[in-house]
Amino acid sequence: MKDRFTKKKAIAARLCLARKQAGLSQEQVADMIRLHRPSISEIEAGRRNVTAEELAKLSKIYDVSVNWLACENTASIDVEKDKVELAARKLATMKKQDIEKILNLLRAIKREESSK
């Protein structure tokens, strides 16, 4: 990776982002994979390595691929782009009428921003 993040920090950032996007607390995730909450905190801060087994469990919980969490095939990390990618994945699983509501909301936000 040729970015300001080391791979370890990039993985930590993606794990934190994926957890938040899943709407889970560190405590909930820790319970799900049978770790102490401080271990999740340390992993997300990049101060503790995540094992392959933990990464596999987390990918299932967060509904993302292990490769995405592990920053495979990624030249650099862009947290904002990652947020959009995770949001798009969620949109892909939603009902058509719910997607339309979200798109209408986005259009309204865009109109409001352009009128300022």
N, C-alpha and C. Protein backbone atom coordinates (compact mmCIF):
# COMPACT_ATOMS: atom_id res chain seq x y z
N MET A 1 0.84 -1.17 0.00
CA MET A 1 0.00 0.00 0.00
C MET A 1 0.88 1.23 0.00
N LYS A 2 0.58 2.13 -0.87
CA LYS A 2 1.38 3.34 -1.00
C LYS A 2 0.63 4.52 -0.39
N ASP A 3 -0.08 4.29 0.66
CA ASP A 3 -0.89 5.32 1.27
C ASP A 3 -0.32 5.65 2.63
N ARG A 4 -0.90 6.68 3.27
CA ARG A 4 -0.40 7.06 4.58
C ARG A 4 -0.73 6.03 5.65
N PHE A 5 -1.64 5.15 5.34
CA PHE A 5 -1.98 4.09 6.27
C PHE A 5 -1.06 2.89 6.03
N THR A 6 -0.67 2.25 7.08
CA THR A 6 -0.04 0.95 6.90
C THR A 6 -1.17 -0.03 6.67
N LYS A 7 -0.85 -1.20 6.19
CA LYS A 7 -1.90 -2.19 5.96
C LYS A 7 -2.63 -2.51 7.26
N LYS A 8 -1.90 -2.59 8.35
CA LYS A 8 -2.52 -2.90 9.64
C LYS A 8 -3.53 -1.81 10.03
N LYS A 9 -3.15 -0.56 9.84
CA LYS A 9 -4.05 0.55 10.15
C LYS A 9 -5.25 0.54 9.20
N ALA A 10 -5.01 0.19 7.94
CA ALA A 10 -6.09 0.15 6.96
C ALA A 10 -7.11 -0.93 7.32
N ILE A 11 -6.62 -2.09 7.72
CA ILE A 11 -7.50 -3.18 8.14
C ILE A 11 -8.29 -2.73 9.38
N ALA A 12 -7.62 -2.11 10.31
CA ALA A 12 -8.27 -1.63 11.53
C ALA A 12 -9.38 -0.64 11.19
N ALA A 13 -9.09 0.28 10.26
CA ALA A 13 -10.08 1.28 9.87
C ALA A 13 -11.30 0.63 9.21
N ARG A 14 -11.06 -0.36 8.36
CA ARG A 14 -12.17 -1.05 7.71
C ARG A 14 -13.00 -1.85 8.70
N LEU A 15 -12.33 -2.48 9.66
CA LEU A 15 -13.07 -3.23 10.67
C LEU A 15 -13.98 -2.30 11.49
N CYS A 16 -13.45 -1.17 11.87
CA CYS A 16 -14.23 -0.20 12.63
C CYS A 16 -15.40 0.33 11.80
N LEU A 17 -15.14 0.69 10.57
CA LEU A 17 -16.17 1.20 9.68
C LEU A 17 -17.26 0.16 9.46
N ALA A 18 -16.87 -1.07 9.18
CA ALA A 18 -17.84 -2.14 8.91
C ALA A 18 -18.71 -2.40 10.14
N ARG A 19 -18.10 -2.36 11.33
CA ARG A 19 -18.87 -2.56 12.56
C ARG A 19 -19.90 -1.46 12.73
N LYS A 20 -19.47 -0.22 12.54
CA LYS A 20 -20.38 0.91 12.69
C LYS A 20 -21.50 0.86 11.65
N GLN A 21 -21.16 0.51 10.42
CA GLN A 21 -22.17 0.40 9.36
C GLN A 21 -23.16 -0.72 9.66
N ALA A 22 -22.70 -1.74 10.36
CA ALA A 22 -23.58 -2.85 10.75
C ALA A 22 -24.45 -2.48 11.94
N GLY A 23 -24.17 -1.33 12.56
CA GLY A 23 -24.96 -0.88 13.70
C GLY A 23 -24.69 -1.64 14.98
N LEU A 24 -23.46 -2.12 15.11
CA LEU A 24 -23.10 -2.93 16.27
C LEU A 24 -22.10 -2.19 17.16
N SER A 25 -22.18 -2.45 18.44
CA SER A 25 -21.20 -1.90 19.37
C SER A 25 -20.02 -2.86 19.47
N GLN A 26 -18.93 -2.36 20.00
CA GLN A 26 -17.77 -3.23 20.22
C GLN A 26 -18.14 -4.36 21.18
N GLU A 27 -18.94 -4.06 22.16
CA GLU A 27 -19.38 -5.07 23.13
C GLU A 27 -20.16 -6.19 22.44
N GLN A 28 -21.08 -5.82 21.56
CA GLN A 28 -21.88 -6.82 20.84
C GLN A 28 -20.99 -7.71 19.98
N VAL A 29 -20.06 -7.10 19.28
CA VAL A 29 -19.16 -7.88 18.42
C VAL A 29 -18.29 -8.80 19.26
N ALA A 30 -17.79 -8.27 20.35
CA ALA A 30 -16.95 -9.08 21.24
C ALA A 30 -17.71 -10.31 21.72
N ASP A 31 -18.96 -10.13 22.10
CA ASP A 31 -19.78 -11.26 22.54
C ASP A 31 -19.98 -12.27 21.41
N MET A 32 -20.18 -11.78 20.20
CA MET A 32 -20.43 -12.67 19.06
C MET A 32 -19.23 -13.54 18.72
N ILE A 33 -18.02 -13.01 18.90
CA ILE A 33 -16.84 -13.80 18.55
C ILE A 33 -16.06 -14.26 19.78
N ARG A 34 -16.68 -14.08 20.92
CA ARG A 34 -16.12 -14.55 22.20
C ARG A 34 -14.75 -13.95 22.52
N LEU A 35 -14.71 -12.63 22.46
CA LEU A 35 -13.53 -11.88 22.88
C LEU A 35 -13.97 -10.87 23.93
N HIS A 36 -13.01 -10.29 24.61
CA HIS A 36 -13.31 -9.19 25.52
C HIS A 36 -13.44 -7.92 24.70
N ARG A 37 -14.31 -7.00 25.14
CA ARG A 37 -14.51 -5.76 24.40
C ARG A 37 -13.21 -4.99 24.16
N PRO A 38 -12.31 -4.92 25.15
CA PRO A 38 -11.06 -4.22 24.89
C PRO A 38 -10.26 -4.81 23.71
N SER A 39 -10.42 -6.09 23.46
CA SER A 39 -9.72 -6.71 22.31
C SER A 39 -10.23 -6.12 21.00
N ILE A 40 -11.54 -5.91 20.90
CA ILE A 40 -12.11 -5.30 19.70
C ILE A 40 -11.59 -3.87 19.56
N SER A 41 -11.55 -3.16 20.66
CA SER A 41 -11.02 -1.79 20.66
C SER A 41 -9.57 -1.76 20.19
N GLU A 42 -8.78 -2.67 20.68
CA GLU A 42 -7.36 -2.74 20.29
C GLU A 42 -7.20 -3.09 18.82
N ILE A 43 -8.03 -4.01 18.33
CA ILE A 43 -7.99 -4.39 16.91
C ILE A 43 -8.34 -3.19 16.04
N GLU A 44 -9.41 -2.48 16.41
CA GLU A 44 -9.87 -1.34 15.61
C GLU A 44 -8.91 -0.15 15.69
N ALA A 45 -8.10 -0.11 16.73
CA ALA A 45 -7.10 0.96 16.85
C ALA A 45 -5.79 0.58 16.15
N GLY A 46 -5.71 -0.67 15.69
CA GLY A 46 -4.49 -1.12 15.01
C GLY A 46 -3.38 -1.51 15.96
N ARG A 47 -3.71 -1.69 17.23
CA ARG A 47 -2.69 -2.06 18.21
C ARG A 47 -2.65 -3.56 18.49
N ARG A 48 -3.61 -4.30 17.93
CA ARG A 48 -3.64 -5.76 18.10
C ARG A 48 -3.90 -6.38 16.74
N ASN A 49 -3.12 -7.39 16.41
CA ASN A 49 -3.34 -8.11 15.16
C ASN A 49 -4.64 -8.89 15.24
N VAL A 50 -5.32 -8.97 14.13
CA VAL A 50 -6.53 -9.78 14.04
C VAL A 50 -6.13 -11.10 13.40
N THR A 51 -6.59 -12.20 13.97
CA THR A 51 -6.24 -13.51 13.42
C THR A 51 -7.10 -13.81 12.20
N ALA A 52 -6.67 -14.78 11.42
CA ALA A 52 -7.44 -15.19 10.24
C ALA A 52 -8.82 -15.68 10.65
N GLU A 53 -8.89 -16.42 11.74
CA GLU A 53 -10.18 -16.93 12.23
C GLU A 53 -11.09 -15.77 12.65
N GLU A 54 -10.52 -14.80 13.35
CA GLU A 54 -11.32 -13.63 13.76
C GLU A 54 -11.78 -12.84 12.54
N LEU A 55 -10.91 -12.68 11.56
CA LEU A 55 -11.25 -11.95 10.36
C LEU A 55 -12.40 -12.64 9.62
N ALA A 56 -12.36 -13.96 9.56
CA ALA A 56 -13.43 -14.72 8.91
C ALA A 56 -14.76 -14.53 9.64
N LYS A 57 -14.72 -14.58 10.97
CA LYS A 57 -15.95 -14.38 11.75
C LYS A 57 -16.49 -12.96 11.57
N LEU A 58 -15.60 -12.00 11.59
CA LEU A 58 -16.01 -10.60 11.45
C LEU A 58 -16.60 -10.34 10.06
N SER A 59 -16.04 -10.96 9.04
CA SER A 59 -16.57 -10.75 7.69
C SER A 59 -18.01 -11.27 7.59
N LYS A 60 -18.30 -12.35 8.27
CA LYS A 60 -19.67 -12.88 8.27
C LYS A 60 -20.60 -11.96 9.05
N ILE A 61 -20.16 -11.52 10.19
CA ILE A 61 -20.98 -10.62 11.01
C ILE A 61 -21.29 -9.33 10.26
N TYR A 62 -20.29 -8.77 9.59
CA TYR A 62 -20.44 -7.49 8.90
C TYR A 62 -20.96 -7.63 7.47
N ASP A 63 -21.07 -8.87 7.00
CA ASP A 63 -21.56 -9.15 5.65
C ASP A 63 -20.69 -8.49 4.58
N VAL A 64 -19.39 -8.65 4.75
CA VAL A 64 -18.40 -8.18 3.77
C VAL A 64 -17.40 -9.31 3.55
N SER A 65 -16.64 -9.21 2.49
CA SER A 65 -15.67 -10.28 2.22
C SER A 65 -14.43 -10.13 3.09
N VAL A 66 -13.78 -11.23 3.32
CA VAL A 66 -12.50 -11.22 4.04
C VAL A 66 -11.50 -10.40 3.24
N ASN A 67 -11.52 -10.56 1.92
CA ASN A 67 -10.59 -9.79 1.07
C ASN A 67 -10.77 -8.29 1.25
N TRP A 68 -12.03 -7.84 1.36
CA TRP A 68 -12.27 -6.41 1.54
C TRP A 68 -11.73 -5.96 2.90
N LEU A 69 -12.03 -6.73 3.95
CA LEU A 69 -11.53 -6.37 5.28
C LEU A 69 -10.01 -6.37 5.32
N ALA A 70 -9.40 -7.33 4.62
CA ALA A 70 -7.94 -7.47 4.64
C ALA A 70 -7.25 -6.53 3.65
N CYS A 71 -8.04 -5.69 2.98
CA CYS A 71 -7.49 -4.71 2.03
C CYS A 71 -6.73 -5.38 0.89
N GLU A 72 -7.17 -6.56 0.49
CA GLU A 72 -6.57 -7.23 -0.66
C GLU A 72 -7.00 -6.52 -1.93
N ASN A 73 -6.16 -6.51 -2.92
CA ASN A 73 -6.43 -5.87 -4.21
C ASN A 73 -6.77 -4.38 -4.06
N THR A 74 -6.17 -3.75 -3.07
CA THR A 74 -6.41 -2.33 -2.82
C THR A 74 -5.08 -1.61 -2.82
N ALA A 75 -4.96 -0.64 -3.69
CA ALA A 75 -3.71 0.12 -3.77
C ALA A 75 -3.63 1.17 -2.67
N SER A 76 -4.79 1.70 -2.26
CA SER A 76 -4.81 2.70 -1.21
C SER A 76 -6.15 2.64 -0.49
N ILE A 77 -6.21 3.25 0.65
CA ILE A 77 -7.42 3.26 1.46
C ILE A 77 -8.00 4.66 1.45
N ASP A 78 -9.29 4.72 1.16
CA ASP A 78 -10.03 5.97 1.17
C ASP A 78 -11.28 5.70 2.01
N VAL A 79 -11.29 6.19 3.24
CA VAL A 79 -12.37 5.88 4.16
C VAL A 79 -13.71 6.36 3.62
N GLU A 80 -13.76 7.52 3.01
CA GLU A 80 -15.02 8.02 2.45
C GLU A 80 -15.53 7.11 1.33
N LYS A 81 -14.62 6.65 0.49
CA LYS A 81 -15.00 5.73 -0.59
C LYS A 81 -15.48 4.40 0.00
N ASP A 82 -14.84 3.94 1.07
CA ASP A 82 -15.26 2.71 1.73
C ASP A 82 -16.67 2.85 2.30
N LYS A 83 -16.98 4.02 2.86
CA LYS A 83 -18.33 4.26 3.39
C LYS A 83 -19.37 4.15 2.28
N VAL A 84 -19.07 4.75 1.14
CA VAL A 84 -19.99 4.70 0.00
C VAL A 84 -20.16 3.27 -0.49
N GLU A 85 -19.06 2.54 -0.54
CA GLU A 85 -19.12 1.14 -0.99
C GLU A 85 -19.99 0.30 -0.06
N LEU A 86 -19.83 0.47 1.24
CA LEU A 86 -20.65 -0.28 2.19
C LEU A 86 -22.12 0.13 2.09
N ALA A 87 -22.38 1.41 1.89
CA ALA A 87 -23.76 1.87 1.74
C ALA A 87 -24.38 1.27 0.48
N ALA A 88 -23.61 1.21 -0.60
CA ALA A 88 -24.11 0.63 -1.85
C ALA A 88 -24.44 -0.85 -1.67
N ARG A 89 -23.64 -1.55 -0.91
CA ARG A 89 -23.92 -2.97 -0.63
C ARG A 89 -25.23 -3.13 0.11
N LYS A 90 -25.48 -2.23 1.06
CA LYS A 90 -26.75 -2.28 1.81
C LYS A 90 -27.92 -1.96 0.89
N LEU A 91 -27.75 -0.97 0.03
CA LEU A 91 -28.81 -0.60 -0.91
C LEU A 91 -29.18 -1.78 -1.81
N ALA A 92 -28.19 -2.53 -2.21
CA ALA A 92 -28.41 -3.66 -3.13
C ALA A 92 -29.31 -4.72 -2.52
N THR A 93 -29.41 -4.76 -1.20
CA THR A 93 -30.23 -5.78 -0.54
C THR A 93 -31.61 -5.27 -0.14
N MET A 94 -31.89 -4.01 -0.42
CA MET A 94 -33.15 -3.41 0.02
C MET A 94 -34.26 -3.60 -1.01
N LYS A 95 -35.50 -3.41 -0.53
CA LYS A 95 -36.66 -3.47 -1.42
C LYS A 95 -36.66 -2.25 -2.32
N LYS A 96 -37.24 -2.42 -3.50
CA LYS A 96 -37.24 -1.36 -4.50
C LYS A 96 -37.87 -0.07 -3.97
N GLN A 97 -38.97 -0.17 -3.26
CA GLN A 97 -39.64 1.04 -2.75
C GLN A 97 -38.80 1.74 -1.69
N ASP A 98 -38.02 0.99 -0.90
CA ASP A 98 -37.14 1.60 0.08
C ASP A 98 -35.97 2.31 -0.59
N ILE A 99 -35.46 1.72 -1.66
CA ILE A 99 -34.39 2.36 -2.42
C ILE A 99 -34.89 3.68 -3.00
N GLU A 100 -36.12 3.66 -3.51
CA GLU A 100 -36.69 4.89 -4.09
C GLU A 100 -36.83 5.98 -3.03
N LYS A 101 -37.20 5.61 -1.82
CA LYS A 101 -37.30 6.59 -0.72
C LYS A 101 -35.94 7.21 -0.43
N ILE A 102 -34.91 6.38 -0.42
CA ILE A 102 -33.56 6.88 -0.15
C ILE A 102 -33.10 7.79 -1.27
N LEU A 103 -33.38 7.40 -2.50
CA LEU A 103 -33.00 8.25 -3.63
C LEU A 103 -33.73 9.59 -3.59
N ASN A 104 -35.00 9.58 -3.20
CA ASN A 104 -35.74 10.84 -3.05
C ASN A 104 -35.12 11.71 -1.96
N LEU A 105 -34.71 11.10 -0.88
CA LEU A 105 -34.06 11.83 0.20
C LEU A 105 -32.75 12.45 -0.29
N LEU A 106 -31.96 11.69 -1.04
CA LEU A 106 -30.71 12.21 -1.59
C LEU A 106 -30.96 13.38 -2.54
N ARG A 107 -32.00 13.26 -3.37
CA ARG A 107 -32.35 14.37 -4.27
C ARG A 107 -32.72 15.62 -3.49
N ALA A 108 -33.49 15.44 -2.41
CA ALA A 108 -33.89 16.58 -1.58
C ALA A 108 -32.68 17.24 -0.92
N ILE A 109 -31.76 16.45 -0.46
CA ILE A 109 -30.53 16.98 0.15
C ILE A 109 -29.74 17.76 -0.89
N LYS A 110 -29.63 17.21 -2.08
CA LYS A 110 -28.88 17.86 -3.16
C LYS A 110 -29.53 19.20 -3.53
N ARG A 111 -30.87 19.23 -3.62
CA ARG A 111 -31.57 20.48 -3.93
C ARG A 111 -31.32 21.52 -2.84
N GLU A 112 -31.36 21.06 -1.58
CA GLU A 112 -31.15 21.97 -0.46
C GLU A 112 -29.73 22.55 -0.49
N GLU A 113 -28.75 21.70 -0.80
CA GLU A 113 -27.35 22.17 -0.88
C GLU A 113 -27.16 23.17 -2.03
N SER A 114 -27.81 22.93 -3.14
CA SER A 114 -27.62 23.81 -4.29
C SER A 114 -28.36 25.15 -4.13
N SER A 115 -29.34 25.18 -3.24
CA SER A 115 -30.07 26.44 -3.02
C SER A 115 -29.39 27.33 -2.01
N LYS A 116 -28.34 26.84 -1.38
CA LYS A 116 -27.64 27.65 -0.37
C LYS A 116 -26.68 28.61 -1.00
